[in-house]
Amino acid sequence: MSIASTVCGLWNNFMGWANSPLEWERLLAGAGVLIVPVIVLMLIFAIADG
């Protein structure tokens, strides 16, 4: 049951974030959430290629 409660909590937090008004802090946080995984994947691929 802990997985279900975790998913529900994440969903509720995401919906609260999505319904909040547009502000610079929100836009920067969203950009950071998208940019960080892309950088990590690029580093992994660069190391894997040698």
C-alpha atoms as a PDB file:
ATOM      1  CA  MET A   1       0.000   0.000   0.000  1.00  0.00           C
ATOM      2  CA  SER A   2       2.938   2.352   0.437  1.00  0.00           C
ATOM      3  CA  ILE A   3       3.573   2.457  -3.326  1.00  0.00           C
ATOM      4  CA  ALA A   4      -0.032   3.461  -3.983  1.00  0.00           C
ATOM      5  CA  SER A   5       0.063   6.183  -1.335  1.00  0.00           C
ATOM      6  CA  THR A   6       3.360   7.485  -2.722  1.00  0.00           C
ATOM      7  CA  VAL A   7       1.953   7.637  -6.249  1.00  0.00           C
ATOM      8  CA  CYS A   8      -1.191   9.390  -5.000  1.00  0.00           C
ATOM      9  CA  GLY A   9       0.906  11.908  -3.091  1.00  0.00           C
ATOM     10  CA  LEU A  10       3.085  12.612  -6.128  1.00  0.00           C
ATOM     11  CA  TRP A  11       0.004  12.991  -8.320  1.00  0.00           C
ATOM     12  CA  ASN A  12      -1.612  15.421  -5.875  1.00  0.00           C
ATOM     13  CA  ASN A  13       1.599  17.461  -5.650  1.00  0.00           C
ATOM     14  CA  PHE A  14       1.895  17.520  -9.443  1.00  0.00           C
ATOM     15  CA  MET A  15      -1.710  18.647  -9.889  1.00  0.00           C
ATOM     16  CA  GLY A  16      -1.236  21.377  -7.298  1.00  0.00           C
ATOM     17  CA  TRP A  17       1.894  22.512  -9.105  1.00  0.00           C
ATOM     18  CA  ALA A  18       0.156  22.401 -12.504  1.00  0.00           C
ATOM     19  CA  ASN A  19      -2.787  24.452 -11.247  1.00  0.00           C
ATOM     20  CA  SER A  20      -0.639  27.136  -9.636  1.00  0.00           C
ATOM     21  CA  PRO A  21      -0.302  30.459 -11.482  1.00  0.00           C
ATOM     22  CA  LEU A  22       2.653  31.059 -13.768  1.00  0.00           C
ATOM     23  CA  GLU A  23       5.569  32.632 -11.926  1.00  0.00           C
ATOM     24  CA  TRP A  24       9.286  32.824 -12.658  1.00  0.00           C
ATOM     25  CA  GLU A  25      10.088  30.443  -9.801  1.00  0.00           C
ATOM     26  CA  ARG A  26       7.692  27.849 -11.201  1.00  0.00           C
ATOM     27  CA  LEU A  27       9.095  28.169 -14.720  1.00  0.00           C
ATOM     28  CA  LEU A  28      12.684  27.881 -13.509  1.00  0.00           C
ATOM     29  CA  ALA A  29      11.853  24.859 -11.372  1.00  0.00           C
ATOM     30  CA  GLY A  30      10.150  23.169 -14.321  1.00  0.00           C
ATOM     31  CA  ALA A  31      13.100  23.909 -16.591  1.00  0.00           C
ATOM     32  CA  GLY A  32      15.503  22.532 -13.992  1.00  0.00           C
ATOM     33  CA  VAL A  33      13.454  19.354 -13.654  1.00  0.00           C
ATOM     34  CA  LEU A  34      13.671  18.857 -17.423  1.00  0.00           C
ATOM     35  CA  ILE A  35      17.301  19.898 -17.923  1.00  0.00           C
ATOM     36  CA  VAL A  36      18.930  17.836 -15.161  1.00  0.00           C
ATOM     37  CA  PRO A  37      17.885  14.380 -16.511  1.00  0.00           C
ATOM     38  CA  VAL A  38      18.929  15.409 -20.041  1.00  0.00           C
ATOM     39  CA  ILE A  39      22.405  16.375 -18.790  1.00  0.00           C
ATOM     40  CA  VAL A  40      22.708  13.120 -16.834  1.00  0.00           C
ATOM     41  CA  LEU A  41      21.708  11.072 -19.900  1.00  0.00           C
ATOM     42  CA  MET A  42      24.192  12.967 -22.088  1.00  0.00           C
ATOM     43  CA  LEU A  43      26.977  12.229 -19.583  1.00  0.00           C
ATOM     44  CA  ILE A  44      26.043   8.544 -19.466  1.00  0.00           C
ATOM     45  CA  PHE A  45      26.047   8.275 -23.265  1.00  0.00           C
ATOM     46  CA  ALA A  46      29.371  10.149 -23.502  1.00  0.00           C
ATOM     47  CA  ILE A  47      30.993   7.800 -20.968  1.00  0.00           C
ATOM     48  CA  ALA A  48      29.495   4.745 -22.679  1.00  0.00           C
ATOM     49  CA  ASP A  49      30.882   5.809 -26.064  1.00  0.00           C
ATOM     50  CA  GLY A  50      34.310   6.236 -24.550  1.00  0.00           C
END
